[in-house]
Amino acid sequence: EDNVGKFTRYTSSSNPHAKGGKNYGVASKDEQSKRLKRVKTLRMRIAAGEFKGVSIVNTLNRDESVKWLIHKMEGLRASFDPNNLPTRTKEAFDTYVKSRMKAPTFQEYLRLMSKDKIGDKKAMRIILDPALNWDKNFISPREAQSAKTTLSTLEDRATYWKESEAAATHRNLSNTKRRALYEGQKA
């Protein structure tokens, strides 16, 4: 009872969107600990590479986080060319998926799966046989669905991003030039 509201982040007085005096956020130390463990576990799963195409960057403090975000945004801005827009669209992705489904290896997998007494393991053993000429990078749908979800622990293995001095100097010079141009346009 004593902890209720102690760790509350938003209350009706500080949050204009709160209704009826409801508390939002952490209600107890136990709940706060559980939330931190969930966040840490997810961070460890990302760091372990369980989510393809997703990476995590740790920074030492808020200022480092802001610098990292600015660094990334400047990189994106520099890499964007309005004359050469990205070609990867929903239609291109759909075409890619359809082509993979019509590929000979997937068709052979479907043919093998339709036979009696042949399951996923046996079909994959046949497809991955070095003597046969099938795509060896093929992953069966069942194999993709049953991948292990996590091996992570709550150990802390953080690696920290640090902006190099050359990058910081370049960023500061760019910002100074941009400000000078902006001030010149205002006058």
N, C-alpha and C. Protein backbone atom coordinates (compact mmCIF):
# COMPACT_ATOMS: atom_id res chain seq x y z
N GLU A 1 0.82 -1.20 0.00
CA GLU A 1 0.00 0.00 0.00
C GLU A 1 0.86 1.26 0.00
N ASP A 2 2.00 1.23 0.73
CA ASP A 2 2.85 2.41 0.79
C ASP A 2 3.47 2.74 -0.56
N ASN A 3 3.72 1.67 -1.39
CA ASN A 3 4.38 1.90 -2.66
C ASN A 3 3.44 2.37 -3.75
N VAL A 4 2.14 2.26 -3.55
CA VAL A 4 1.21 2.66 -4.59
C VAL A 4 1.37 4.15 -4.85
N GLY A 5 1.63 4.48 -6.09
CA GLY A 5 1.81 5.88 -6.48
C GLY A 5 3.23 6.38 -6.30
N LYS A 6 4.06 5.66 -5.54
CA LYS A 6 5.43 6.12 -5.31
C LYS A 6 6.24 6.10 -6.60
N PHE A 7 6.06 5.04 -7.41
CA PHE A 7 6.78 4.93 -8.66
C PHE A 7 5.90 5.28 -9.85
N THR A 8 4.77 5.88 -9.60
CA THR A 8 3.85 6.21 -10.68
C THR A 8 4.44 7.34 -11.50
N ARG A 9 4.44 7.14 -12.81
CA ARG A 9 5.02 8.12 -13.69
C ARG A 9 4.04 9.23 -14.02
N TYR A 10 2.79 8.88 -14.30
CA TYR A 10 1.79 9.88 -14.70
C TYR A 10 0.59 9.81 -13.76
N THR A 11 0.18 10.92 -13.27
CA THR A 11 -1.06 10.98 -12.50
C THR A 11 -1.95 12.02 -13.15
N SER A 12 -3.17 12.09 -12.68
CA SER A 12 -4.12 13.00 -13.31
C SER A 12 -3.65 14.46 -13.20
N SER A 13 -2.91 14.80 -12.15
CA SER A 13 -2.48 16.18 -12.00
C SER A 13 -1.35 16.54 -12.97
N SER A 14 -0.47 15.57 -13.30
CA SER A 14 0.64 15.89 -14.19
C SER A 14 0.35 15.52 -15.64
N ASN A 15 -0.66 14.70 -15.89
CA ASN A 15 -0.98 14.27 -17.24
C ASN A 15 -2.36 14.79 -17.63
N PRO A 16 -2.45 15.71 -18.59
CA PRO A 16 -3.75 16.26 -18.95
C PRO A 16 -4.68 15.24 -19.61
N HIS A 17 -4.13 14.11 -20.08
CA HIS A 17 -4.95 13.11 -20.75
C HIS A 17 -5.52 12.06 -19.79
N ALA A 18 -5.06 12.06 -18.55
CA ALA A 18 -5.54 11.09 -17.58
C ALA A 18 -6.98 11.42 -17.19
N LYS A 19 -7.77 10.37 -16.98
CA LYS A 19 -9.17 10.58 -16.63
C LYS A 19 -9.46 9.97 -15.26
N GLY A 20 -10.20 10.68 -14.47
CA GLY A 20 -10.69 10.14 -13.21
C GLY A 20 -9.62 9.86 -12.18
N GLY A 21 -8.47 10.50 -12.24
CA GLY A 21 -7.44 10.32 -11.22
C GLY A 21 -6.77 8.97 -11.28
N LYS A 22 -6.81 8.26 -12.43
CA LYS A 22 -6.15 6.95 -12.54
C LYS A 22 -4.65 7.14 -12.60
N ASN A 23 -3.93 6.20 -12.01
CA ASN A 23 -2.48 6.23 -12.05
C ASN A 23 -1.99 5.38 -13.20
N TYR A 24 -0.95 5.85 -13.87
CA TYR A 24 -0.34 5.10 -14.96
C TYR A 24 1.13 4.91 -14.61
N GLY A 25 1.70 3.81 -15.03
CA GLY A 25 3.11 3.55 -14.76
C GLY A 25 3.28 2.47 -13.72
N VAL A 26 4.45 2.43 -13.11
CA VAL A 26 4.81 1.37 -12.17
C VAL A 26 4.15 1.64 -10.83
N ALA A 27 3.48 0.62 -10.29
CA ALA A 27 2.76 0.78 -9.03
C ALA A 27 3.55 0.26 -7.83
N SER A 28 4.56 -0.58 -8.05
CA SER A 28 5.31 -1.12 -6.91
C SER A 28 6.74 -1.42 -7.34
N LYS A 29 7.60 -1.65 -6.36
CA LYS A 29 8.99 -2.00 -6.67
C LYS A 29 9.07 -3.34 -7.38
N ASP A 30 8.20 -4.27 -7.01
CA ASP A 30 8.17 -5.57 -7.65
C ASP A 30 7.81 -5.44 -9.13
N GLU A 31 6.80 -4.65 -9.43
CA GLU A 31 6.39 -4.43 -10.81
C GLU A 31 7.49 -3.72 -11.59
N GLN A 32 8.15 -2.76 -10.96
CA GLN A 32 9.26 -2.06 -11.60
C GLN A 32 10.38 -3.03 -11.94
N SER A 33 10.70 -3.92 -11.01
CA SER A 33 11.74 -4.91 -11.23
C SER A 33 11.36 -5.85 -12.38
N LYS A 34 10.11 -6.28 -12.41
CA LYS A 34 9.66 -7.17 -13.49
C LYS A 34 9.75 -6.48 -14.85
N ARG A 35 9.35 -5.21 -14.90
CA ARG A 35 9.43 -4.47 -16.16
C ARG A 35 10.87 -4.32 -16.62
N LEU A 36 11.78 -4.01 -15.69
CA LEU A 36 13.18 -3.88 -16.06
C LEU A 36 13.74 -5.20 -16.58
N LYS A 37 13.33 -6.31 -15.96
CA LYS A 37 13.80 -7.62 -16.42
C LYS A 37 13.26 -7.94 -17.81
N ARG A 38 12.00 -7.57 -18.08
CA ARG A 38 11.44 -7.80 -19.41
C ARG A 38 12.19 -6.98 -20.46
N VAL A 39 12.48 -5.73 -20.15
CA VAL A 39 13.22 -4.88 -21.08
C VAL A 39 14.61 -5.43 -21.31
N LYS A 40 15.26 -5.85 -20.22
CA LYS A 40 16.62 -6.37 -20.32
C LYS A 40 16.64 -7.67 -21.12
N THR A 41 15.65 -8.53 -20.90
CA THR A 41 15.58 -9.78 -21.64
C THR A 41 15.39 -9.52 -23.13
N LEU A 42 14.51 -8.59 -23.47
CA LEU A 42 14.30 -8.26 -24.88
C LEU A 42 15.58 -7.68 -25.48
N ARG A 43 16.26 -6.82 -24.72
CA ARG A 43 17.51 -6.26 -25.20
C ARG A 43 18.54 -7.36 -25.45
N MET A 44 18.61 -8.34 -24.55
CA MET A 44 19.55 -9.44 -24.71
C MET A 44 19.19 -10.31 -25.92
N ARG A 45 17.89 -10.51 -26.14
CA ARG A 45 17.46 -11.29 -27.30
C ARG A 45 17.84 -10.58 -28.60
N ILE A 46 17.69 -9.26 -28.63
CA ILE A 46 18.07 -8.50 -29.82
C ILE A 46 19.58 -8.56 -30.01
N ALA A 47 20.33 -8.39 -28.92
CA ALA A 47 21.79 -8.43 -28.99
C ALA A 47 22.29 -9.80 -29.44
N ALA A 48 21.55 -10.86 -29.09
CA ALA A 48 21.92 -12.22 -29.49
C ALA A 48 21.57 -12.50 -30.95
N GLY A 49 20.90 -11.56 -31.60
CA GLY A 49 20.58 -11.73 -33.02
C GLY A 49 19.36 -12.57 -33.29
N GLU A 50 18.43 -12.63 -32.36
CA GLU A 50 17.24 -13.45 -32.56
C GLU A 50 16.23 -12.83 -33.52
N PHE A 51 16.30 -11.52 -33.72
CA PHE A 51 15.40 -10.83 -34.63
C PHE A 51 16.22 -10.36 -35.82
N LYS A 52 16.03 -11.01 -36.97
CA LYS A 52 16.84 -10.69 -38.14
C LYS A 52 16.59 -9.26 -38.58
N GLY A 53 17.68 -8.55 -38.85
CA GLY A 53 17.58 -7.17 -39.34
C GLY A 53 17.42 -6.14 -38.24
N VAL A 54 17.39 -6.57 -36.98
CA VAL A 54 17.23 -5.64 -35.87
C VAL A 54 18.49 -5.68 -35.03
N SER A 55 19.03 -4.52 -34.74
CA SER A 55 20.21 -4.46 -33.88
C SER A 55 19.95 -3.46 -32.76
N ILE A 56 20.81 -3.48 -31.78
CA ILE A 56 20.63 -2.61 -30.62
C ILE A 56 21.92 -1.85 -30.37
N VAL A 57 21.78 -0.60 -29.98
CA VAL A 57 22.93 0.22 -29.65
C VAL A 57 22.71 0.77 -28.25
N ASN A 58 23.70 0.61 -27.39
CA ASN A 58 23.63 1.15 -26.04
C ASN A 58 24.48 2.41 -25.97
N THR A 59 23.98 3.40 -25.28
CA THR A 59 24.75 4.62 -25.08
C THR A 59 24.93 4.83 -23.58
N LEU A 60 25.93 5.62 -23.23
CA LEU A 60 26.25 5.80 -21.82
C LEU A 60 25.24 6.67 -21.09
N ASN A 61 24.67 7.65 -21.81
CA ASN A 61 23.74 8.56 -21.15
C ASN A 61 22.84 9.20 -22.21
N ARG A 62 21.99 10.09 -21.78
CA ARG A 62 21.03 10.72 -22.69
C ARG A 62 21.73 11.55 -23.77
N ASP A 63 22.76 12.28 -23.41
CA ASP A 63 23.48 13.09 -24.39
C ASP A 63 24.10 12.23 -25.48
N GLU A 64 24.67 11.09 -25.09
CA GLU A 64 25.24 10.17 -26.08
C GLU A 64 24.14 9.62 -26.99
N SER A 65 22.95 9.37 -26.43
CA SER A 65 21.83 8.88 -27.24
C SER A 65 21.43 9.92 -28.28
N VAL A 66 21.36 11.18 -27.85
CA VAL A 66 21.00 12.26 -28.77
C VAL A 66 22.06 12.40 -29.86
N LYS A 67 23.34 12.34 -29.48
CA LYS A 67 24.41 12.43 -30.48
C LYS A 67 24.32 11.27 -31.47
N TRP A 68 24.04 10.07 -30.98
CA TRP A 68 23.94 8.90 -31.86
C TRP A 68 22.77 9.07 -32.83
N LEU A 69 21.63 9.54 -32.33
CA LEU A 69 20.48 9.75 -33.21
C LEU A 69 20.77 10.82 -34.27
N ILE A 70 21.42 11.90 -33.87
CA ILE A 70 21.80 12.94 -34.83
C ILE A 70 22.76 12.37 -35.87
N HIS A 71 23.74 11.59 -35.41
CA HIS A 71 24.70 10.95 -36.30
C HIS A 71 23.97 10.07 -37.33
N LYS A 72 23.00 9.27 -36.89
CA LYS A 72 22.25 8.39 -37.78
C LYS A 72 21.39 9.20 -38.76
N MET A 73 20.73 10.25 -38.25
CA MET A 73 19.88 11.07 -39.12
C MET A 73 20.70 11.78 -40.20
N GLU A 74 21.89 12.26 -39.83
CA GLU A 74 22.75 12.90 -40.82
C GLU A 74 23.23 11.89 -41.86
N GLY A 75 23.50 10.67 -41.43
CA GLY A 75 23.88 9.62 -42.37
C GLY A 75 22.75 9.28 -43.33
N LEU A 76 21.53 9.21 -42.81
CA LEU A 76 20.38 8.95 -43.67
C LEU A 76 20.16 10.10 -44.66
N ARG A 77 20.27 11.33 -44.15
CA ARG A 77 20.07 12.49 -45.02
C ARG A 77 21.12 12.50 -46.13
N ALA A 78 22.37 12.18 -45.79
CA ALA A 78 23.44 12.18 -46.79
C ALA A 78 23.25 11.06 -47.81
N SER A 79 22.69 9.94 -47.37
CA SER A 79 22.54 8.80 -48.28
C SER A 79 21.28 8.89 -49.15
N PHE A 80 20.36 9.79 -48.81
CA PHE A 80 19.11 9.88 -49.57
C PHE A 80 19.32 10.70 -50.84
N ASP A 81 18.92 10.13 -51.96
CA ASP A 81 19.00 10.82 -53.25
C ASP A 81 17.60 10.86 -53.84
N PRO A 82 16.97 12.05 -53.91
CA PRO A 82 15.60 12.11 -54.43
C PRO A 82 15.48 11.69 -55.89
N ASN A 83 16.61 11.72 -56.63
CA ASN A 83 16.57 11.29 -58.03
C ASN A 83 16.65 9.78 -58.16
N ASN A 84 17.06 9.10 -57.10
CA ASN A 84 17.22 7.65 -57.15
C ASN A 84 16.50 7.04 -55.95
N LEU A 85 15.19 6.95 -56.02
CA LEU A 85 14.39 6.44 -54.91
C LEU A 85 14.58 4.94 -54.74
N PRO A 86 14.37 4.40 -53.54
CA PRO A 86 14.52 2.96 -53.32
C PRO A 86 13.56 2.17 -54.20
N THR A 87 14.03 1.02 -54.66
CA THR A 87 13.20 0.21 -55.56
C THR A 87 12.40 -0.85 -54.82
N ARG A 88 12.70 -1.06 -53.55
CA ARG A 88 12.02 -2.12 -52.80
C ARG A 88 10.63 -1.62 -52.38
N THR A 89 9.61 -2.09 -53.06
CA THR A 89 8.24 -1.70 -52.76
C THR A 89 7.44 -2.94 -52.39
N LYS A 90 6.20 -2.76 -51.99
CA LYS A 90 5.33 -3.89 -51.65
C LYS A 90 5.17 -4.81 -52.87
N GLU A 91 5.01 -4.20 -54.05
CA GLU A 91 4.85 -5.01 -55.27
C GLU A 91 6.10 -5.84 -55.54
N ALA A 92 7.27 -5.21 -55.34
CA ALA A 92 8.53 -5.93 -55.56
C ALA A 92 8.67 -7.08 -54.57
N PHE A 93 8.26 -6.83 -53.31
CA PHE A 93 8.33 -7.88 -52.30
C PHE A 93 7.38 -9.03 -52.65
N ASP A 94 6.15 -8.69 -53.06
CA ASP A 94 5.19 -9.73 -53.46
C ASP A 94 5.72 -10.54 -54.63
N THR A 95 6.33 -9.89 -55.59
CA THR A 95 6.91 -10.58 -56.74
C THR A 95 8.02 -11.52 -56.29
N TYR A 96 8.85 -11.06 -55.35
CA TYR A 96 9.94 -11.89 -54.82
C TYR A 96 9.37 -13.14 -54.14
N VAL A 97 8.34 -12.96 -53.30
CA VAL A 97 7.74 -14.10 -52.58
C VAL A 97 7.15 -15.08 -53.58
N LYS A 98 6.43 -14.59 -54.58
CA LYS A 98 5.82 -15.46 -55.59
C LYS A 98 6.88 -16.23 -56.36
N SER A 99 7.99 -15.55 -56.69
CA SER A 99 9.06 -16.25 -57.42
C SER A 99 9.68 -17.35 -56.57
N ARG A 100 9.84 -17.09 -55.25
CA ARG A 100 10.40 -18.12 -54.36
C ARG A 100 9.44 -19.31 -54.22
N MET A 101 8.12 -19.03 -54.23
CA MET A 101 7.15 -20.12 -54.12
C MET A 101 7.08 -20.94 -55.40
N LYS A 102 7.43 -20.34 -56.53
CA LYS A 102 7.43 -21.06 -57.80
C LYS A 102 8.78 -21.68 -58.11
N ALA A 103 9.75 -21.46 -57.24
CA ALA A 103 11.09 -22.01 -57.44
C ALA A 103 11.04 -23.53 -57.40
N PRO A 104 11.90 -24.19 -58.17
CA PRO A 104 11.89 -25.66 -58.23
C PRO A 104 12.09 -26.33 -56.87
N THR A 105 12.91 -25.75 -56.00
CA THR A 105 13.17 -26.37 -54.70
C THR A 105 11.90 -26.39 -53.85
N PHE A 106 11.17 -25.29 -53.82
CA PHE A 106 9.93 -25.24 -53.03
C PHE A 106 8.88 -26.18 -53.62
N GLN A 107 8.81 -26.25 -54.94
CA GLN A 107 7.86 -27.15 -55.60
C GLN A 107 8.20 -28.61 -55.27
N GLU A 108 9.49 -28.93 -55.23
CA GLU A 108 9.90 -30.30 -54.87
C GLU A 108 9.56 -30.58 -53.41
N TYR A 109 9.76 -29.59 -52.54
CA TYR A 109 9.39 -29.74 -51.13
C TYR A 109 7.89 -30.04 -51.00
N LEU A 110 7.06 -29.29 -51.72
CA LEU A 110 5.61 -29.53 -51.68
C LEU A 110 5.27 -30.92 -52.21
N ARG A 111 5.95 -31.34 -53.29
CA ARG A 111 5.69 -32.67 -53.86
C ARG A 111 6.04 -33.76 -52.86
N LEU A 112 7.19 -33.60 -52.19
CA LEU A 112 7.61 -34.60 -51.20
C LEU A 112 6.65 -34.63 -50.01
N MET A 113 6.21 -33.47 -49.56
CA MET A 113 5.30 -33.40 -48.41
C MET A 113 3.94 -34.02 -48.72
N SER A 114 3.55 -34.05 -49.98
CA SER A 114 2.24 -34.62 -50.33
C SER A 114 2.26 -36.15 -50.35
N LYS A 115 3.46 -36.75 -50.32
CA LYS A 115 3.56 -38.21 -50.34
C LYS A 115 3.35 -38.77 -48.94
N ASP A 116 2.85 -40.01 -48.89
CA ASP A 116 2.65 -40.70 -47.61
C ASP A 116 4.01 -41.01 -46.96
N LYS A 117 4.03 -40.96 -45.65
CA LYS A 117 5.19 -41.31 -44.83
C LYS A 117 6.41 -40.42 -45.06
N ILE A 118 6.20 -39.23 -45.62
CA ILE A 118 7.30 -38.27 -45.75
C ILE A 118 6.87 -37.01 -45.03
N GLY A 119 7.62 -36.69 -44.00
CA GLY A 119 7.34 -35.47 -43.25
C GLY A 119 8.38 -34.41 -43.56
N ASP A 120 8.38 -33.39 -42.76
CA ASP A 120 9.28 -32.26 -42.98
C ASP A 120 10.75 -32.67 -42.90
N LYS A 121 11.10 -33.46 -41.89
CA LYS A 121 12.51 -33.84 -41.70
C LYS A 121 13.03 -34.67 -42.88
N LYS A 122 12.24 -35.63 -43.32
CA LYS A 122 12.68 -36.48 -44.41
C LYS A 122 12.74 -35.68 -45.72
N ALA A 123 11.77 -34.80 -45.94
CA ALA A 123 11.78 -33.97 -47.15
C ALA A 123 13.01 -33.07 -47.17
N MET A 124 13.34 -32.49 -46.02
CA MET A 124 14.52 -31.62 -45.95
C MET A 124 15.81 -32.43 -46.12
N ARG A 125 15.85 -33.66 -45.60
CA ARG A 125 17.02 -34.50 -45.78
C ARG A 125 17.24 -34.79 -47.27
N ILE A 126 16.15 -35.02 -48.00
CA ILE A 126 16.25 -35.29 -49.44
C ILE A 126 16.73 -34.03 -50.18
N ILE A 127 16.13 -32.87 -49.84
CA ILE A 127 16.49 -31.63 -50.54
C ILE A 127 17.94 -31.24 -50.25
N LEU A 128 18.41 -31.45 -49.03
CA LEU A 128 19.76 -31.06 -48.66
C LEU A 128 20.82 -32.11 -49.01
N ASP A 129 20.41 -33.20 -49.66
CA ASP A 129 21.35 -34.24 -50.09
C ASP A 129 22.33 -33.64 -51.10
N PRO A 130 23.64 -33.73 -50.81
CA PRO A 130 24.63 -33.10 -51.70
C PRO A 130 24.62 -33.68 -53.12
N ALA A 131 24.15 -34.90 -53.28
CA ALA A 131 24.14 -35.52 -54.61
C ALA A 131 23.04 -34.94 -55.50
N LEU A 132 22.02 -34.33 -54.89
CA LEU A 132 20.91 -33.77 -55.66
C LEU A 132 21.11 -32.27 -55.86
N ASN A 133 20.58 -31.77 -56.96
CA ASN A 133 20.81 -30.38 -57.33
C ASN A 133 19.63 -29.49 -56.91
N TRP A 134 19.48 -29.28 -55.58
CA TRP A 134 18.45 -28.37 -55.08
C TRP A 134 19.12 -27.22 -54.35
N ASP A 135 18.37 -26.16 -54.12
CA ASP A 135 18.90 -24.99 -53.41
C ASP A 135 19.21 -25.38 -51.96
N LYS A 136 20.48 -25.34 -51.60
CA LYS A 136 20.90 -25.78 -50.26
C LYS A 136 20.62 -24.72 -49.19
N ASN A 137 20.25 -23.50 -49.59
CA ASN A 137 19.90 -22.45 -48.63
C ASN A 137 18.41 -22.48 -48.28
N PHE A 138 17.67 -23.42 -48.84
CA PHE A 138 16.23 -23.50 -48.62
C PHE A 138 15.92 -23.83 -47.16
N ILE A 139 14.96 -23.12 -46.60
CA ILE A 139 14.48 -23.40 -45.24
C ILE A 139 13.01 -23.71 -45.34
N SER A 140 12.62 -24.85 -44.78
CA SER A 140 11.21 -25.25 -44.88
C SER A 140 10.34 -24.35 -44.01
N PRO A 141 9.06 -24.21 -44.37
CA PRO A 141 8.16 -23.39 -43.56
C PRO A 141 8.07 -23.87 -42.11
N ARG A 142 8.08 -25.19 -41.92
CA ARG A 142 8.00 -25.72 -40.56
C ARG A 142 9.24 -25.40 -39.75
N GLU A 143 10.37 -25.48 -40.42
CA GLU A 143 11.64 -25.16 -39.76
C GLU A 143 11.68 -23.69 -39.35
N ALA A 144 11.17 -22.81 -40.22
CA ALA A 144 11.16 -21.38 -39.92
C ALA A 144 10.22 -21.08 -38.75
N GLN A 145 9.11 -21.80 -38.65
CA GLN A 145 8.14 -21.56 -37.57
C GLN A 145 8.62 -22.09 -36.23
N SER A 146 9.38 -23.17 -36.24
CA SER A 146 9.75 -23.81 -34.99
C SER A 146 11.13 -23.40 -34.49
N ALA A 147 11.68 -22.31 -35.01
CA ALA A 147 12.99 -21.85 -34.55
C ALA A 147 12.91 -21.50 -33.08
N LYS A 148 13.97 -21.81 -32.34
CA LYS A 148 13.99 -21.50 -30.91
C LYS A 148 13.82 -20.00 -30.71
N THR A 149 13.06 -19.64 -29.72
CA THR A 149 12.77 -18.23 -29.51
C THR A 149 13.86 -17.51 -28.73
N THR A 150 14.41 -18.13 -27.72
CA THR A 150 15.42 -17.41 -26.94
C THR A 150 16.38 -18.35 -26.24
N LEU A 151 17.61 -17.90 -26.16
CA LEU A 151 18.62 -18.55 -25.33
C LEU A 151 19.21 -17.52 -24.38
N SER A 152 18.62 -16.34 -24.36
CA SER A 152 19.19 -15.22 -23.61
C SER A 152 19.04 -15.40 -22.11
N THR A 153 19.96 -14.79 -21.42
CA THR A 153 19.88 -14.71 -19.97
C THR A 153 19.81 -13.23 -19.62
N LEU A 154 19.77 -12.91 -18.36
CA LEU A 154 19.70 -11.52 -17.94
C LEU A 154 21.08 -10.92 -17.66
N GLU A 155 22.13 -11.56 -18.21
CA GLU A 155 23.46 -11.01 -18.03
C GLU A 155 23.57 -9.70 -18.78
N ASP A 156 24.40 -8.82 -18.28
CA ASP A 156 24.57 -7.52 -18.92
C ASP A 156 25.82 -7.54 -19.77
N ARG A 157 25.65 -7.53 -21.09
CA ARG A 157 26.78 -7.52 -22.00
C ARG A 157 26.69 -6.30 -22.91
N ALA A 158 26.49 -5.14 -22.35
CA ALA A 158 26.29 -3.94 -23.15
C ALA A 158 27.57 -3.51 -23.84
N THR A 159 27.44 -3.08 -25.09
CA THR A 159 28.53 -2.45 -25.80
C THR A 159 28.08 -1.03 -26.10
N TYR A 160 28.95 -0.09 -25.88
CA TYR A 160 28.57 1.31 -25.96
C TYR A 160 29.09 1.96 -27.24
N TRP A 161 28.22 2.78 -27.82
CA TRP A 161 28.59 3.55 -29.00
C TRP A 161 29.30 4.81 -28.55
N LYS A 162 30.35 5.17 -29.24
CA LYS A 162 31.06 6.40 -28.93
C LYS A 162 31.39 7.09 -30.25
N GLU A 163 30.97 8.34 -30.38
CA GLU A 163 31.24 9.10 -31.59
C GLU A 163 32.73 9.43 -31.64
N SER A 164 33.35 9.20 -32.80
CA SER A 164 34.78 9.50 -32.92
C SER A 164 34.98 11.02 -32.92
N GLU A 165 36.20 11.43 -32.60
CA GLU A 165 36.49 12.87 -32.56
C GLU A 165 36.36 13.48 -33.94
N ALA A 166 36.79 12.75 -34.98
CA ALA A 166 36.70 13.27 -36.35
C ALA A 166 35.23 13.47 -36.75
N ALA A 167 34.39 12.51 -36.39
CA ALA A 167 32.96 12.62 -36.72
C ALA A 167 32.32 13.77 -35.96
N ALA A 168 32.70 13.96 -34.70
CA ALA A 168 32.15 15.06 -33.90
C ALA A 168 32.60 16.40 -34.47
N THR A 169 33.85 16.51 -34.86
CA THR A 169 34.35 17.75 -35.46
C THR A 169 33.63 18.05 -36.76
N HIS A 170 33.48 17.02 -37.60
CA HIS A 170 32.77 17.18 -38.87
C HIS A 170 31.33 17.61 -38.64
N ARG A 171 30.67 16.99 -37.67
CA ARG A 171 29.28 17.34 -37.36
C ARG A 171 29.18 18.79 -36.89
N ASN A 172 30.10 19.21 -36.01
CA ASN A 172 30.08 20.58 -35.51
C ASN A 172 30.34 21.59 -36.62
N LEU A 173 31.29 21.29 -37.53
CA LEU A 173 31.56 22.18 -38.66
C LEU A 173 30.34 22.28 -39.58
N SER A 174 29.72 21.14 -39.85
CA SER A 174 28.53 21.12 -40.71
C SER A 174 27.41 21.96 -40.10
N ASN A 175 27.21 21.80 -38.80
CA ASN A 175 26.15 22.56 -38.12
C ASN A 175 26.47 24.06 -38.14
N THR A 176 27.73 24.41 -37.96
CA THR A 176 28.13 25.82 -37.99
C THR A 176 27.89 26.42 -39.37
N LYS A 177 28.27 25.68 -40.42
CA LYS A 177 28.04 26.15 -41.79
C LYS A 177 26.55 26.30 -42.07
N ARG A 178 25.78 25.34 -41.64
CA ARG A 178 24.33 25.36 -41.86
C ARG A 178 23.71 26.56 -41.14
N ARG A 179 24.15 26.83 -39.90
CA ARG A 179 23.64 27.98 -39.15
C ARG A 179 24.02 29.29 -39.84
N ALA A 180 25.26 29.37 -40.34
CA ALA A 180 25.73 30.57 -41.02
C ALA A 180 24.90 30.82 -42.27
N LEU A 181 24.62 29.76 -43.04
CA LEU A 181 23.79 29.89 -44.23
C LEU A 181 22.39 30.34 -43.86
N TYR A 182 21.85 29.77 -42.81
CA TYR A 182 20.50 30.12 -42.36
C TYR A 182 20.45 31.57 -41.90
N GLU A 183 21.45 32.00 -41.14
CA GLU A 183 21.50 33.39 -40.67
C GLU A 183 21.64 34.35 -41.86
N GLY A 184 22.43 33.94 -42.89
CA GLY A 184 22.61 34.78 -44.08
C GLY A 184 21.32 34.92 -44.86
N GLN A 185 20.49 33.85 -44.89
CA GLN A 185 19.21 33.90 -45.59
C GLN A 185 18.21 34.76 -44.85
N LYS A 186 18.29 34.78 -43.51
CA LYS A 186 17.36 35.58 -42.70
C LYS A 186 17.60 37.07 -42.88
N ALA A 187 18.88 37.45 -43.04
CA ALA A 187 19.22 38.87 -43.09
C ALA A 187 18.82 39.52 -44.39
